[in-house]
Amino acid sequence: MLDPVAGNLEHYMTLLSTRQRLVASNIANADTPGYKTLDIDFDSELQNALNSAPTAHEVSGLVNKNDGNNVNLDRESRLLAENALRFNLASNLMHSKLKIMRMAIENGSSAA
């Protein structure tokens, strides 16, 4: 790990990747009878990211269809878009952090 900020970005991006996989699975199972939507509690998982891997849980409060499936494609599409924006931001921040470190190393070695 480069430093605490980079470590936090790494954990954040891991959570985003986990959520992306869950949302994709929810969408893939939108027509699977009895399938229940899974997600992570993003805020609490971010707080606990240093201690353990994210835990998926069934989402409550969604309307069940006649076949018992509760996937809401509008919700899942919104989560996909939100997740992509968050991941892009975190990736850009990590890239900037690495660029600053590279400049510091290059300037330090040329001063010697």
PDB file of N, CA and C in Angstrom:
ATOM      1  N   MET A   1       0.848  -1.171   0.000  1.00  0.00           N
ATOM      2  CA  MET A   1       0.000   0.000   0.000  1.00  0.00           C
ATOM      3  C   MET A   1       0.896   1.237   0.000  1.00  0.00           C
ATOM      4  N   LEU A   2       0.580   2.196  -0.841  1.00  0.00           N
ATOM      5  CA  LEU A   2       1.413   3.385  -0.988  1.00  0.00           C
ATOM      6  C   LEU A   2       1.356   4.291   0.238  1.00  0.00           C
ATOM      7  N   ASP A   3       0.184   4.586   0.694  1.00  0.00           N
ATOM      8  CA  ASP A   3      -0.029   5.417   1.871  1.00  0.00           C
ATOM      9  C   ASP A   3      -1.492   5.280   2.279  1.00  0.00           C
ATOM     10  N   PRO A   4      -1.895   5.911   3.392  1.00  0.00           N
ATOM     11  CA  PRO A   4      -3.284   5.752   3.838  1.00  0.00           C
ATOM     12  C   PRO A   4      -4.328   6.202   2.810  1.00  0.00           C
ATOM     13  N   VAL A   5      -4.058   7.281   2.092  1.00  0.00           N
ATOM     14  CA  VAL A   5      -5.032   7.752   1.101  1.00  0.00           C
ATOM     15  C   VAL A   5      -5.182   6.730  -0.019  1.00  0.00           C
ATOM     16  N   ALA A   6      -4.068   6.234  -0.518  1.00  0.00           N
ATOM     17  CA  ALA A   6      -4.118   5.221  -1.572  1.00  0.00           C
ATOM     18  C   ALA A   6      -4.800   3.950  -1.062  1.00  0.00           C
ATOM     19  N   GLY A   7      -4.528   3.583   0.177  1.00  0.00           N
ATOM     20  CA  GLY A   7      -5.175   2.407   0.762  1.00  0.00           C
ATOM     21  C   GLY A   7      -6.676   2.575   0.853  1.00  0.00           C
ATOM     22  N   ASN A   8      -7.112   3.763   1.258  1.00  0.00           N
ATOM     23  CA  ASN A   8      -8.551   4.036   1.336  1.00  0.00           C
ATOM     24  C   ASN A   8      -9.192   4.010  -0.043  1.00  0.00           C
ATOM     25  N   LEU A   9      -8.494   4.556  -1.034  1.00  0.00           N
ATOM     26  CA  LEU A   9      -9.014   4.508  -2.403  1.00  0.00           C
ATOM     27  C   LEU A   9      -9.120   3.063  -2.885  1.00  0.00           C
ATOM     28  N   GLU A  10      -8.128   2.256  -2.534  1.00  0.00           N
ATOM     29  CA  GLU A  10      -8.154   0.846  -2.912  1.00  0.00           C
ATOM     30  C   GLU A  10      -9.372   0.145  -2.306  1.00  0.00           C
ATOM     31  N   HIS A  11      -9.632   0.377  -1.025  1.00  0.00           N
ATOM     32  CA  HIS A  11     -10.802  -0.231  -0.367  1.00  0.00           C
ATOM     33  C   HIS A  11     -12.100   0.277  -0.994  1.00  0.00           C
ATOM     34  N   TYR A  12     -12.153   1.547  -1.298  1.00  0.00           N
ATOM     35  CA  TYR A  12     -13.332   2.143  -1.922  1.00  0.00           C
ATOM     36  C   TYR A  12     -13.600   1.486  -3.275  1.00  0.00           C
ATOM     37  N   MET A  13     -12.541   1.323  -4.062  1.00  0.00           N
ATOM     38  CA  MET A  13     -12.695   0.715  -5.376  1.00  0.00           C
ATOM     39  C   MET A  13     -13.069  -0.764  -5.271  1.00  0.00           C
ATOM     40  N   THR A  14     -12.592  -1.445  -4.250  1.00  0.00           N
ATOM     41  CA  THR A  14     -12.988  -2.838  -4.021  1.00  0.00           C
ATOM     42  C   THR A  14     -14.479  -2.923  -3.724  1.00  0.00           C
ATOM     43  N   LEU A  15     -14.971  -2.011  -2.887  1.00  0.00           N
ATOM     44  CA  LEU A  15     -16.405  -1.984  -2.596  1.00  0.00           C
ATOM     45  C   LEU A  15     -17.213  -1.703  -3.855  1.00  0.00           C
ATOM     46  N   LEU A  16     -16.751  -0.762  -4.660  1.00  0.00           N
ATOM     47  CA  LEU A  16     -17.449  -0.444  -5.902  1.00  0.00           C
ATOM     48  C   LEU A  16     -17.481  -1.653  -6.841  1.00  0.00           C
ATOM     49  N   SER A  17     -16.381  -2.387  -6.912  1.00  0.00           N
ATOM     50  CA  SER A  17     -16.331  -3.586  -7.755  1.00  0.00           C
ATOM     51  C   SER A  17     -17.300  -4.648  -7.242  1.00  0.00           C
ATOM     52  N   THR A  18     -17.354  -4.812  -5.925  1.00  0.00           N
ATOM     53  CA  THR A  18     -18.286  -5.775  -5.335  1.00  0.00           C
ATOM     54  C   THR A  18     -19.721  -5.389  -5.656  1.00  0.00           C
ATOM     55  N   ARG A  19     -20.041  -4.113  -5.495  1.00  0.00           N
ATOM     56  CA  ARG A  19     -21.401  -3.662  -5.782  1.00  0.00           C
ATOM     57  C   ARG A  19     -21.713  -3.856  -7.264  1.00  0.00           C
ATOM     58  N   GLN A  20     -20.756  -3.578  -8.133  1.00  0.00           N
ATOM     59  CA  GLN A  20     -20.973  -3.736  -9.572  1.00  0.00           C
ATOM     60  C   GLN A  20     -21.316  -5.182  -9.904  1.00  0.00           C
ATOM     61  N   ARG A  21     -20.594  -6.130  -9.300  1.00  0.00           N
ATOM     62  CA  ARG A  21     -20.881  -7.551  -9.539  1.00  0.00           C
ATOM     63  C   ARG A  21     -22.283  -7.917  -9.037  1.00  0.00           C
ATOM     64  N   LEU A  22     -22.657  -7.406  -7.867  1.00  0.00           N
ATOM     65  CA  LEU A  22     -23.972  -7.711  -7.311  1.00  0.00           C
ATOM     66  C   LEU A  22     -25.089  -7.141  -8.179  1.00  0.00           C
ATOM     67  N   VAL A  23     -24.936  -5.905  -8.615  1.00  0.00           N
ATOM     68  CA  VAL A  23     -25.960  -5.273  -9.447  1.00  0.00           C
ATOM     69  C   VAL A  23     -26.084  -6.010 -10.781  1.00  0.00           C
ATOM     70  N   ALA A  24     -24.947  -6.380 -11.369  1.00  0.00           N
ATOM     71  CA  ALA A  24     -24.985  -7.140 -12.627  1.00  0.00           C
ATOM     72  C   ALA A  24     -25.697  -8.475 -12.429  1.00  0.00           C
ATOM     73  N   SER A  25     -25.451  -9.117 -11.299  1.00  0.00           N
ATOM     74  CA  SER A  25     -26.125 -10.378 -10.997  1.00  0.00           C
ATOM     75  C   SER A  25     -27.626 -10.158 -10.817  1.00  0.00           C
ATOM     76  N   ASN A  26     -27.987  -9.076 -10.139  1.00  0.00           N
ATOM     77  CA  ASN A  26     -29.406  -8.762  -9.963  1.00  0.00           C
ATOM     78  C   ASN A  26     -30.091  -8.584 -11.315  1.00  0.00           C
ATOM     79  N   ILE A  27     -29.452  -7.843 -12.208  1.00  0.00           N
ATOM     80  CA  ILE A  27     -30.029  -7.611 -13.536  1.00  0.00           C
ATOM     81  C   ILE A  27     -30.129  -8.926 -14.306  1.00  0.00           C
ATOM     82  N   ALA A  28     -29.090  -9.742 -14.236  1.00  0.00           N
ATOM     83  CA  ALA A  28     -29.089 -11.022 -14.948  1.00  0.00           C
ATOM     84  C   ALA A  28     -30.203 -11.933 -14.444  1.00  0.00           C
ATOM     85  N   ASN A  29     -30.595 -11.770 -13.193  1.00  0.00           N
ATOM     86  CA  ASN A  29     -31.627 -12.627 -12.596  1.00  0.00           C
ATOM     87  C   ASN A  29     -32.985 -11.938 -12.493  1.00  0.00           C
ATOM     88  N   ALA A  30     -33.178 -10.871 -13.254  1.00  0.00           N
ATOM     89  CA  ALA A  30     -34.428 -10.112 -13.183  1.00  0.00           C
ATOM     90  C   ALA A  30     -35.650 -10.961 -13.503  1.00  0.00           C
ATOM     91  N   ASP A  31     -35.479 -12.016 -14.278  1.00  0.00           N
ATOM     92  CA  ASP A  31     -36.605 -12.881 -14.642  1.00  0.00           C
ATOM     93  C   ASP A  31     -36.536 -14.252 -13.980  1.00  0.00           C
ATOM     94  N   THR A  32     -35.658 -14.411 -13.001  1.00  0.00           N
ATOM     95  CA  THR A  32     -35.527 -15.682 -12.300  1.00  0.00           C
ATOM     96  C   THR A  32     -36.549 -15.756 -11.169  1.00  0.00           C
ATOM     97  N   PRO A  33     -37.498 -16.676 -11.254  1.00  0.00           N
ATOM     98  CA  PRO A  33     -38.508 -16.776 -10.200  1.00  0.00           C
ATOM     99  C   PRO A  33     -37.872 -16.965  -8.824  1.00  0.00           C
ATOM    100  N   GLY A  34     -38.351 -16.213  -7.854  1.00  0.00           N
ATOM    101  CA  GLY A  34     -37.901 -16.338  -6.478  1.00  0.00           C
ATOM    102  C   GLY A  34     -36.584 -15.648  -6.167  1.00  0.00           C
ATOM    103  N   TYR A  35     -35.917 -15.095  -7.176  1.00  0.00           N
ATOM    104  CA  TYR A  35     -34.631 -14.423  -6.929  1.00  0.00           C
ATOM    105  C   TYR A  35     -34.858 -13.169  -6.094  1.00  0.00           C
ATOM    106  N   LYS A  36     -33.980 -12.968  -5.102  1.00  0.00           N
ATOM    107  CA  LYS A  36     -34.046 -11.791  -4.235  1.00  0.00           C
ATOM    108  C   LYS A  36     -32.846 -10.902  -4.494  1.00  0.00           C
ATOM    109  N   THR A  37     -33.077  -9.621  -4.626  1.00  0.00           N
ATOM    110  CA  THR A  37     -32.042  -8.633  -4.896  1.00  0.00           C
ATOM    111  C   THR A  37     -31.010  -8.610  -3.779  1.00  0.00           C
ATOM    112  N   LEU A  38     -29.724  -8.607  -4.173  1.00  0.00           N
ATOM    113  CA  LEU A  38     -28.624  -8.521  -3.218  1.00  0.00           C
ATOM    114  C   LEU A  38     -27.891  -7.201  -3.405  1.00  0.00           C
ATOM    115  N   ASP A  39     -27.373  -6.666  -2.313  1.00  0.00           N
ATOM    116  CA  ASP A  39     -26.600  -5.428  -2.346  1.00  0.00           C
ATOM    117  C   ASP A  39     -25.707  -5.404  -1.119  1.00  0.00           C
ATOM    118  N   ILE A  40     -24.876  -4.381  -1.007  1.00  0.00           N
ATOM    119  CA  ILE A  40     -24.098  -4.156   0.204  1.00  0.00           C
ATOM    120  C   ILE A  40     -24.541  -2.839   0.807  1.00  0.00           C
ATOM    121  N   ASP A  41     -24.410  -2.711   2.105  1.00  0.00           N
ATOM    122  CA  ASP A  41     -24.651  -1.439   2.788  1.00  0.00           C
ATOM    123  C   ASP A  41     -23.370  -0.641   2.605  1.00  0.00           C
ATOM    124  N   PHE A  42     -23.343   0.172   1.565  1.00  0.00           N
ATOM    125  CA  PHE A  42     -22.116   0.802   1.114  1.00  0.00           C
ATOM    126  C   PHE A  42     -21.445   1.628   2.205  1.00  0.00           C
ATOM    127  N   ASP A  43     -22.206   2.446   2.912  1.00  0.00           N
ATOM    128  CA  ASP A  43     -21.613   3.314   3.936  1.00  0.00           C
ATOM    129  C   ASP A  43     -20.993   2.523   5.080  1.00  0.00           C
ATOM    130  N   SER A  44     -21.717   1.538   5.592  1.00  0.00           N
ATOM    131  CA  SER A  44     -21.159   0.775   6.714  1.00  0.00           C
ATOM    132  C   SER A  44     -20.004  -0.115   6.242  1.00  0.00           C
ATOM    133  N   GLU A  45     -20.089  -0.638   5.025  1.00  0.00           N
ATOM    134  CA  GLU A  45     -18.990  -1.455   4.502  1.00  0.00           C
ATOM    135  C   GLU A  45     -17.735  -0.610   4.295  1.00  0.00           C
ATOM    136  N   LEU A  46     -17.910   0.644   3.908  1.00  0.00           N
ATOM    137  CA  LEU A  46     -16.763   1.526   3.740  1.00  0.00           C
ATOM    138  C   LEU A  46     -16.097   1.762   5.090  1.00  0.00           C
ATOM    139  N   GLN A  47     -16.891   1.916   6.140  1.00  0.00           N
ATOM    140  CA  GLN A  47     -16.344   2.085   7.482  1.00  0.00           C
ATOM    141  C   GLN A  47     -15.596   0.837   7.940  1.00  0.00           C
ATOM    142  N   ASN A  48     -16.072  -0.326   7.550  1.00  0.00           N
ATOM    143  CA  ASN A  48     -15.477  -1.593   7.982  1.00  0.00           C
ATOM    144  C   ASN A  48     -14.469  -2.160   6.982  1.00  0.00           C
ATOM    145  N   ALA A  49     -14.184  -1.433   5.906  1.00  0.00           N
ATOM    146  CA  ALA A  49     -13.375  -1.960   4.809  1.00  0.00           C
ATOM    147  C   ALA A  49     -11.998  -2.441   5.253  1.00  0.00           C
ATOM    148  N   LEU A  50     -11.449  -1.842   6.260  1.00  0.00           N
ATOM    149  CA  LEU A  50     -10.119  -2.235   6.691  1.00  0.00           C
ATOM    150  C   LEU A  50     -10.126  -3.572   7.414  1.00  0.00           C
ATOM    151  N   ASN A  51     -11.283  -3.969   7.914  1.00  0.00           N
ATOM    152  CA  ASN A  51     -11.363  -5.162   8.749  1.00  0.00           C
ATOM    153  C   ASN A  51     -11.776  -6.431   8.020  1.00  0.00           C
ATOM    154  N   SER A  52     -12.575  -6.313   6.967  1.00  0.00           N
ATOM    155  CA  SER A  52     -13.081  -7.527   6.333  1.00  0.00           C
ATOM    156  C   SER A  52     -13.584  -7.245   4.922  1.00  0.00           C
ATOM    157  N   ALA A  53     -13.909  -8.322   4.212  1.00  0.00           N
ATOM    158  CA  ALA A  53     -14.473  -8.210   2.866  1.00  0.00           C
ATOM    159  C   ALA A  53     -15.938  -7.788   2.962  1.00  0.00           C
ATOM    160  N   PRO A  54     -16.449  -7.113   1.940  1.00  0.00           N
ATOM    161  CA  PRO A  54     -17.853  -6.701   1.963  1.00  0.00           C
ATOM    162  C   PRO A  54     -18.798  -7.896   2.011  1.00  0.00           C
ATOM    163  N   THR A  55     -19.922  -7.710   2.672  1.00  0.00           N
ATOM    164  CA  THR A  55     -20.919  -8.758   2.827  1.00  0.00           C
ATOM    165  C   THR A  55     -22.198  -8.373   2.100  1.00  0.00           C
ATOM    166  N   ALA A  56     -22.641  -9.222   1.184  1.00  0.00           N
ATOM    167  CA  ALA A  56     -23.892  -8.983   0.466  1.00  0.00           C
ATOM    168  C   ALA A  56     -25.062  -9.371   1.358  1.00  0.00           C
ATOM    169  N   HIS A  57     -26.129  -8.608   1.237  1.00  0.00           N
ATOM    170  CA  HIS A  57     -27.347  -8.922   1.985  1.00  0.00           C
ATOM    171  C   HIS A  57     -28.553  -8.708   1.084  1.00  0.00           C
ATOM    172  N   GLU A  58     -29.646  -9.370   1.423  1.00  0.00           N
ATOM    173  CA  GLU A  58     -30.871  -9.208   0.661  1.00  0.00           C
ATOM    174  C   GLU A  58     -31.436  -7.819   0.930  1.00  0.00           C
ATOM    175  N   VAL A  59     -31.890  -7.157  -0.126  1.00  0.00           N
ATOM    176  CA  VAL A  59     -32.425  -5.805  -0.011  1.00  0.00           C
ATOM    177  C   VAL A  59     -33.876  -5.882   0.431  1.00  0.00           C
ATOM    178  N   SER A  60     -34.191  -5.161   1.475  1.00  0.00           N
ATOM    179  CA  SER A  60     -35.579  -5.159   1.959  1.00  0.00           C
ATOM    180  C   SER A  60     -36.332  -3.979   1.360  1.00  0.00           C
ATOM    181  N   GLY A  61     -37.651  -4.050   1.415  1.00  0.00           N
ATOM    182  CA  GLY A  61     -38.496  -2.949   0.965  1.00  0.00           C
ATOM    183  C   GLY A  61     -38.787  -2.927  -0.521  1.00  0.00           C
ATOM    184  N   LEU A  62     -38.339  -3.944  -1.264  1.00  0.00           N
ATOM    185  CA  LEU A  62     -38.637  -4.004  -2.690  1.00  0.00           C
ATOM    186  C   LEU A  62     -39.908  -4.812  -2.908  1.00  0.00           C
ATOM    187  N   VAL A  63     -40.629  -4.465  -3.950  1.00  0.00           N
ATOM    188  CA  VAL A  63     -41.897  -5.133  -4.251  1.00  0.00           C
ATOM    189  C   VAL A  63     -41.624  -6.477  -4.915  1.00  0.00           C
ATOM    190  N   ASN A  64     -42.240  -7.523  -4.375  1.00  0.00           N
ATOM    191  CA  ASN A  64     -42.143  -8.858  -4.976  1.00  0.00           C
ATOM    192  C   ASN A  64     -43.113  -8.977  -6.133  1.00  0.00           C
ATOM    193  N   LYS A  65     -42.634  -9.589  -7.226  1.00  0.00           N
ATOM    194  CA  LYS A  65     -43.511  -9.894  -8.352  1.00  0.00           C
ATOM    195  C   LYS A  65     -44.256 -11.184  -8.016  1.00  0.00           C
ATOM    196  N   ASN A  66     -45.161 -11.575  -8.879  1.00  0.00           N
ATOM    197  CA  ASN A  66     -45.943 -12.800  -8.645  1.00  0.00           C
ATOM    198  C   ASN A  66     -45.070 -14.037  -8.496  1.00  0.00           C
ATOM    199  N   ASP A  67     -43.899 -14.041  -9.155  1.00  0.00           N
ATOM    200  CA  ASP A  67     -43.019 -15.212  -9.075  1.00  0.00           C
ATOM    201  C   ASP A  67     -42.052 -15.142  -7.899  1.00  0.00           C
ATOM    202  N   GLY A  68     -42.170 -14.111  -7.032  1.00  0.00           N
ATOM    203  CA  GLY A  68     -41.318 -13.975  -5.858  1.00  0.00           C
ATOM    204  C   GLY A  68     -40.046 -13.191  -6.109  1.00  0.00           C
ATOM    205  N   ASN A  69     -39.781 -12.845  -7.348  1.00  0.00           N
ATOM    206  CA  ASN A  69     -38.594 -12.060  -7.709  1.00  0.00           C
ATOM    207  C   ASN A  69     -38.849 -10.600  -7.327  1.00  0.00           C
ATOM    208  N   ASN A  70     -37.812  -9.918  -6.798  1.00  0.00           N
ATOM    209  CA  ASN A  70     -38.004  -8.522  -6.411  1.00  0.00           C
ATOM    210  C   ASN A  70     -37.009  -7.560  -7.067  1.00  0.00           C
ATOM    211  N   VAL A  71     -36.372  -7.980  -8.179  1.00  0.00           N
ATOM    212  CA  VAL A  71     -35.412  -7.110  -8.858  1.00  0.00           C
ATOM    213  C   VAL A  71     -36.161  -5.953  -9.519  1.00  0.00           C
ATOM    214  N   ASN A  72     -35.715  -4.730  -9.217  1.00  0.00           N
ATOM    215  CA  ASN A  72     -36.267  -3.520  -9.813  1.00  0.00           C
ATOM    216  C   ASN A  72     -35.220  -2.990 -10.790  1.00  0.00           C
ATOM    217  N   LEU A  73     -35.476  -3.155 -12.090  1.00  0.00           N
ATOM    218  CA  LEU A  73     -34.480  -2.781 -13.096  1.00  0.00           C
ATOM    219  C   LEU A  73     -34.149  -1.291 -13.071  1.00  0.00           C
ATOM    220  N   ASP A  74     -35.097  -0.434 -12.728  1.00  0.00           N
ATOM    221  CA  ASP A  74     -34.800   0.996 -12.617  1.00  0.00           C
ATOM    222  C   ASP A  74     -33.795   1.246 -11.507  1.00  0.00           C
ATOM    223  N   ARG A  75     -33.979   0.595 -10.360  1.00  0.00           N
ATOM    224  CA  ARG A  75     -33.040   0.736  -9.239  1.00  0.00           C
ATOM    225  C   ARG A  75     -31.660   0.235  -9.625  1.00  0.00           C
ATOM    226  N   GLU A  76     -31.613  -0.933 -10.249  1.00  0.00           N
ATOM    227  CA  GLU A  76     -30.341  -1.534 -10.606  1.00  0.00           C
ATOM    228  C   GLU A  76     -29.608  -0.700 -11.671  1.00  0.00           C
ATOM    229  N   SER A  77     -30.337  -0.154 -12.625  1.00  0.00           N
ATOM    230  CA  SER A  77     -29.723   0.706 -13.646  1.00  0.00           C
ATOM    231  C   SER A  77     -29.148   1.967 -13.017  1.00  0.00           C
ATOM    232  N   ARG A  78     -29.875   2.541 -12.060  1.00  0.00           N
ATOM    233  CA  ARG A  78     -29.382   3.726 -11.356  1.00  0.00           C
ATOM    234  C   ARG A  78     -28.109   3.388 -10.592  1.00  0.00           C
ATOM    235  N   LEU A  79     -28.094   2.238  -9.918  1.00  0.00           N
ATOM    236  CA  LEU A  79     -26.910   1.826  -9.167  1.00  0.00           C
ATOM    237  C   LEU A  79     -25.718   1.590 -10.089  1.00  0.00           C
ATOM    238  N   LEU A  80     -25.960   1.005 -11.265  1.00  0.00           N
ATOM    239  CA  LEU A  80     -24.866   0.797 -12.218  1.00  0.00           C
ATOM    240  C   LEU A  80     -24.246   2.130 -12.636  1.00  0.00           C
ATOM    241  N   ALA A  81     -25.087   3.100 -12.953  1.00  0.00           N
ATOM    242  CA  ALA A  81     -24.587   4.408 -13.382  1.00  0.00           C
ATOM    243  C   ALA A  81     -23.858   5.118 -12.245  1.00  0.00           C
ATOM    244  N   GLU A  82     -24.438   5.076 -11.057  1.00  0.00           N
ATOM    245  CA  GLU A  82     -23.815   5.705  -9.883  1.00  0.00           C
ATOM    246  C   GLU A  82     -22.469   5.056  -9.574  1.00  0.00           C
ATOM    247  N   ASN A  83     -22.441   3.757  -9.636  1.00  0.00           N
ATOM    248  CA  ASN A  83     -21.216   3.015  -9.356  1.00  0.00           C
ATOM    249  C   ASN A  83     -20.123   3.340 -10.365  1.00  0.00           C
ATOM    250  N   ALA A  84     -20.490   3.427 -11.634  1.00  0.00           N
ATOM    251  CA  ALA A  84     -19.521   3.750 -12.677  1.00  0.00           C
ATOM    252  C   ALA A  84     -18.922   5.134 -12.448  1.00  0.00           C
ATOM    253  N   LEU A  85     -19.752   6.111 -12.060  1.00  0.00           N
ATOM    254  CA  LEU A  85     -19.250   7.450 -11.771  1.00  0.00           C
ATOM    255  C   LEU A  85     -18.291   7.436 -10.586  1.00  0.00           C
ATOM    256  N   ARG A  86     -18.665   6.734  -9.543  1.00  0.00           N
ATOM    257  CA  ARG A  86     -17.815   6.654  -8.352  1.00  0.00           C
ATOM    258  C   ARG A  86     -16.482   5.976  -8.665  1.00  0.00           C
ATOM    259  N   PHE A  87     -16.539   4.896  -9.438  1.00  0.00           N
ATOM    260  CA  PHE A  87     -15.312   4.179  -9.771  1.00  0.00           C
ATOM    261  C   PHE A  87     -14.395   5.049 -10.623  1.00  0.00           C
ATOM    262  N   ASN A  88     -14.976   5.773 -11.566  1.00  0.00           N
ATOM    263  CA  ASN A  88     -14.207   6.666 -12.420  1.00  0.00           C
ATOM    264  C   ASN A  88     -13.521   7.748 -11.587  1.00  0.00           C
ATOM    265  N   LEU A  89     -14.230   8.317 -10.640  1.00  0.00           N
ATOM    266  CA  LEU A  89     -13.661   9.332  -9.761  1.00  0.00           C
ATOM    267  C   LEU A  89     -12.510   8.752  -8.939  1.00  0.00           C
ATOM    268  N   ALA A  90     -12.725   7.601  -8.342  1.00  0.00           N
ATOM    269  CA  ALA A  90     -11.684   6.973  -7.526  1.00  0.00           C
ATOM    270  C   ALA A  90     -10.471   6.607  -8.380  1.00  0.00           C
ATOM    271  N   SER A  91     -10.708   6.131  -9.580  1.00  0.00           N
ATOM    272  CA  SER A  91      -9.616   5.782 -10.482  1.00  0.00           C
ATOM    273  C   SER A  91      -8.804   7.027 -10.852  1.00  0.00           C
ATOM    274  N   ASN A  92      -9.488   8.124 -11.125  1.00  0.00           N
ATOM    275  CA  ASN A  92      -8.796   9.374 -11.439  1.00  0.00           C
ATOM    276  C   ASN A  92      -7.990   9.883 -10.248  1.00  0.00           C
ATOM    277  N   LEU A  93      -8.540   9.759  -9.051  1.00  0.00           N
ATOM    278  CA  LEU A  93      -7.811  10.174  -7.850  1.00  0.00           C
ATOM    279  C   LEU A  93      -6.558   9.324  -7.656  1.00  0.00           C
ATOM    280  N   MET A  94      -6.689   8.016  -7.848  1.00  0.00           N
ATOM    281  CA  MET A  94      -5.539   7.129  -7.702  1.00  0.00           C
ATOM    282  C   MET A  94      -4.481   7.454  -8.756  1.00  0.00           C
ATOM    283  N   HIS A  95      -4.917   7.703  -9.973  1.00  0.00           N
ATOM    284  CA  HIS A  95      -3.990   8.062 -11.047  1.00  0.00           C
ATOM    285  C   HIS A  95      -3.233   9.342 -10.690  1.00  0.00           C
ATOM    286  N   SER A  96      -3.945  10.336 -10.168  1.00  0.00           N
ATOM    287  CA  SER A  96      -3.299  11.596  -9.767  1.00  0.00           C
ATOM    288  C   SER A  96      -2.296  11.371  -8.647  1.00  0.00           C
ATOM    289  N   LYS A  97      -2.661  10.539  -7.693  1.00  0.00           N
ATOM    290  CA  LYS A  97      -1.777  10.223  -6.568  1.00  0.00           C
ATOM    291  C   LYS A  97      -0.494   9.561  -7.068  1.00  0.00           C
ATOM    292  N   LEU A  98      -0.628   8.606  -7.969  1.00  0.00           N
ATOM    293  CA  LEU A  98       0.537   7.927  -8.523  1.00  0.00           C
ATOM    294  C   LEU A  98       1.399   8.879  -9.348  1.00  0.00           C
ATOM    295  N   LYS A  99       0.777   9.768 -10.075  1.00  0.00           N
ATOM    296  CA  LYS A  99       1.507  10.746 -10.882  1.00  0.00           C
ATOM    297  C   LYS A  99       2.342  11.667  -9.994  1.00  0.00           C
ATOM    298  N   ILE A 100       1.760  12.105  -8.879  1.00  0.00           N
ATOM    299  CA  ILE A 100       2.484  12.968  -7.932  1.00  0.00           C
ATOM    300  C   ILE A 100       3.672  12.216  -7.341  1.00  0.00           C
ATOM    301  N   MET A 101       3.459  10.953  -6.980  1.00  0.00           N
ATOM    302  CA  MET A 101       4.544  10.154  -6.417  1.00  0.00           C
ATOM    303  C   MET A 101       5.654   9.937  -7.443  1.00  0.00           C
ATOM    304  N   ARG A 102       5.279   9.674  -8.690  1.00  0.00           N
ATOM    305  CA  ARG A 102       6.269   9.476  -9.744  1.00  0.00           C
ATOM    306  C   ARG A 102       7.097  10.748  -9.945  1.00  0.00           C
ATOM    307  N   MET A 103       6.436  11.907  -9.945  1.00  0.00           N
ATOM    308  CA  MET A 103       7.149  13.177 -10.099  1.00  0.00           C
ATOM    309  C   MET A 103       8.120  13.396  -8.937  1.00  0.00           C
ATOM    310  N   ALA A 104       7.681  13.066  -7.735  1.00  0.00           N
ATOM    311  CA  ALA A 104       8.543  13.227  -6.561  1.00  0.00           C
ATOM    312  C   ALA A 104       9.770  12.325  -6.653  1.00  0.00           C
ATOM    313  N   ILE A 105       9.578  11.106  -7.113  1.00  0.00           N
ATOM    314  CA  ILE A 105      10.694  10.163  -7.247  1.00  0.00           C
ATOM    315  C   ILE A 105      11.656  10.642  -8.335  1.00  0.00           C
ATOM    316  N   GLU A 106      11.110  11.052  -9.475  1.00  0.00           N
ATOM    317  CA  GLU A 106      11.953  11.520 -10.569  1.00  0.00           C
ATOM    318  C   GLU A 106      12.723  12.782 -10.192  1.00  0.00           C
ATOM    319  N   ASN A 107      12.072  13.705  -9.525  1.00  0.00           N
ATOM    320  CA  ASN A 107      12.760  14.944  -9.106  1.00  0.00           C
ATOM    321  C   ASN A 107      13.794  14.653  -8.036  1.00  0.00           C
ATOM    322  N   GLY A 108      13.511  13.699  -7.159  1.00  0.00           N
ATOM    323  CA  GLY A 108      14.461  13.331  -6.115  1.00  0.00           C
ATOM    324  C   GLY A 108      15.699  12.662  -6.665  1.00  0.00           C
ATOM    325  N   SER A 109      15.509  11.817  -7.690  1.00  0.00           N
ATOM    326  CA  SER A 109      16.658  11.108  -8.250  1.00  0.00           C
ATOM    327  C   SER A 109      17.489  12.011  -9.136  1.00  0.00           C
ATOM    328  N   SER A 110      16.894  13.034  -9.742  1.00  0.00           N
ATOM    329  CA  SER A 110      17.680  13.938 -10.587  1.00  0.00           C
ATOM    330  C   SER A 110      18.449  14.958  -9.760  1.00  0.00           C
ATOM    331  N   ALA A 111      18.044  15.165  -8.498  1.00  0.00           N
ATOM    332  CA  ALA A 111      18.741  16.110  -7.623  1.00  0.00           C
ATOM    333  C   ALA A 111      19.993  15.481  -7.023  1.00  0.00           C
ATOM    334  N   ALA A 112      20.079  14.138  -7.077  1.00  0.00           N
ATOM    335  CA  ALA A 112      21.219  13.457  -6.454  1.00  0.00           C
ATOM    336  C   ALA A 112      22.467  13.520  -7.271  1.00  0.00           C
TER     337      ALA A 112
END
